[in-house]
Amino acid sequence: MGGECSKRDIWQQHLVWQGDSLFLSVSLVLSSLNIHLFFRRQYSVQSRSADSRSPTAQELVLRLSTW
C-alpha cells in the first residue's frame, strides 16, 4: 500500500514537472517570436528612414532592456 502511494506521488510530480517544462518551452518560443518580430519591425522602420545605419550592440541591449 505504501509503495503504491509513493508511486502515485512520483507520477503526480512527473506530471507537474511536465506541465512546467511545457509552459516554459511555450513561453520561450513566444518570447523569442516576439523578439524576432520586434527586431524585424525595428529593422524595417530603420531601413525606410533616411538614417539607415545599423544599430550597435549597445543600442540593441538598451532597446531590449527598456522594451
C-alpha atoms as a PDB file:
ATOM      1  CA  MET A   1       0.000   0.000   0.000  1.00  0.00           C
ATOM      2  CA  GLY A   2       2.804   2.393   0.929  1.00  0.00           C
ATOM      3  CA  GLY A   3       4.663   1.612  -2.287  1.00  0.00           C
ATOM      4  CA  GLU A   4       1.558   2.300  -4.369  1.00  0.00           C
ATOM      5  CA  CYS A   5       1.096   5.682  -2.714  1.00  0.00           C
ATOM      6  CA  SER A   6       4.697   6.730  -3.354  1.00  0.00           C
ATOM      7  CA  LYS A   7       4.376   5.618  -6.982  1.00  0.00           C
ATOM      8  CA  ARG A   8       1.321   7.853  -7.391  1.00  0.00           C
ATOM      9  CA  ASP A   9       3.164  10.768  -5.774  1.00  0.00           C
ATOM     10  CA  ILE A  10       6.086  10.326  -8.182  1.00  0.00           C
ATOM     11  CA  TRP A  11       3.643  10.216 -11.102  1.00  0.00           C
ATOM     12  CA  GLN A  12       1.928  13.410  -9.922  1.00  0.00           C
ATOM     13  CA  GLN A  13       5.294  15.156  -9.529  1.00  0.00           C
ATOM     14  CA  HIS A  14       6.253  13.973 -13.016  1.00  0.00           C
ATOM     15  CA  LEU A  15       3.026  15.397 -14.443  1.00  0.00           C
ATOM     16  CA  VAL A  16       3.615  18.697 -12.674  1.00  0.00           C
ATOM     17  CA  TRP A  17       7.182  18.787 -13.992  1.00  0.00           C
ATOM     18  CA  GLN A  18       5.947  18.004 -17.499  1.00  0.00           C
ATOM     19  CA  GLY A  19       3.447  20.845 -17.295  1.00  0.00           C
ATOM     20  CA  ASP A  20       6.117  23.258 -16.035  1.00  0.00           C
ATOM     21  CA  SER A  21       8.560  22.340 -18.786  1.00  0.00           C
ATOM     22  CA  LEU A  22       5.807  22.608 -21.402  1.00  0.00           C
ATOM     23  CA  PHE A  23       4.820  26.031 -20.115  1.00  0.00           C
ATOM     24  CA  LEU A  24       8.467  27.071 -20.057  1.00  0.00           C
ATOM     25  CA  SER A  25       9.106  25.953 -23.629  1.00  0.00           C
ATOM     26  CA  VAL A  26       5.919  27.629 -24.881  1.00  0.00           C
ATOM     27  CA  SER A  27       6.798  30.903 -23.159  1.00  0.00           C
ATOM     28  CA  LEU A  28      10.359  30.676 -24.533  1.00  0.00           C
ATOM     29  CA  VAL A  29       9.033  30.175 -28.057  1.00  0.00           C
ATOM     30  CA  LEU A  30       6.587  33.053 -27.658  1.00  0.00           C
ATOM     31  CA  SER A  31       9.209  35.413 -26.253  1.00  0.00           C
ATOM     32  CA  SER A  32      11.720  34.554 -28.994  1.00  0.00           C
ATOM     33  CA  LEU A  33       8.992  35.074 -31.584  1.00  0.00           C
ATOM     34  CA  ASN A  34       8.143  38.443 -30.021  1.00  0.00           C
ATOM     35  CA  ILE A  35      11.799  39.497 -30.066  1.00  0.00           C
ATOM     36  CA  HIS A  36      12.129  38.339 -33.679  1.00  0.00           C
ATOM     37  CA  LEU A  37       9.050  40.270 -34.778  1.00  0.00           C
ATOM     38  CA  PHE A  38      10.155  43.294 -32.745  1.00  0.00           C
ATOM     39  CA  PHE A  39      13.569  43.351 -34.424  1.00  0.00           C
ATOM     40  CA  ARG A  40      12.051  42.855 -37.869  1.00  0.00           C
ATOM     41  CA  ARG A  41       9.710  45.761 -37.266  1.00  0.00           C
ATOM     42  CA  GLN A  42      12.555  47.923 -35.953  1.00  0.00           C
ATOM     43  CA  TYR A  43      14.729  46.986 -38.912  1.00  0.00           C
ATOM     44  CA  SER A  44      12.040  47.764 -41.482  1.00  0.00           C
ATOM     45  CA  VAL A  45      11.392  51.126 -39.818  1.00  0.00           C
ATOM     46  CA  GLN A  46      15.115  51.892 -39.823  1.00  0.00           C
ATOM     47  CA  SER A  47      15.690  50.833 -43.417  1.00  0.00           C
ATOM     48  CA  ARG A  48      12.836  53.091 -44.542  1.00  0.00           C
ATOM     49  CA  SER A  49      14.185  56.071 -42.610  1.00  0.00           C
ATOM     50  CA  ALA A  50      16.893  58.302 -44.113  1.00  0.00           C
ATOM     51  CA  ASP A  51      19.365  57.289 -41.415  1.00  0.00           C
ATOM     52  CA  SER A  52      19.899  53.653 -42.403  1.00  0.00           C
ATOM     53  CA  ARG A  53      22.903  52.825 -40.233  1.00  0.00           C
ATOM     54  CA  SER A  54      22.639  49.543 -38.356  1.00  0.00           C
ATOM     55  CA  PRO A  55      22.247  49.785 -34.578  1.00  0.00           C
ATOM     56  CA  THR A  56      25.255  48.946 -32.452  1.00  0.00           C
ATOM     57  CA  ALA A  57      25.205  46.119 -29.938  1.00  0.00           C
ATOM     58  CA  GLN A  58      24.945  48.650 -27.118  1.00  0.00           C
ATOM     59  CA  GLU A  59      21.840  50.198 -28.669  1.00  0.00           C
ATOM     60  CA  LEU A  60      20.299  46.750 -29.085  1.00  0.00           C
ATOM     61  CA  VAL A  61      20.937  45.912 -25.434  1.00  0.00           C
ATOM     62  CA  LEU A  62      19.457  49.227 -24.352  1.00  0.00           C
ATOM     63  CA  ARG A  63      16.438  48.636 -26.555  1.00  0.00           C
ATOM     64  CA  LEU A  64      15.924  45.162 -25.109  1.00  0.00           C
ATOM     65  CA  SER A  65      16.290  46.350 -21.523  1.00  0.00           C
ATOM     66  CA  THR A  66      13.822  49.200 -21.987  1.00  0.00           C
ATOM     67  CA  TRP A  67      11.400  47.049 -24.013  1.00  0.00           C
END
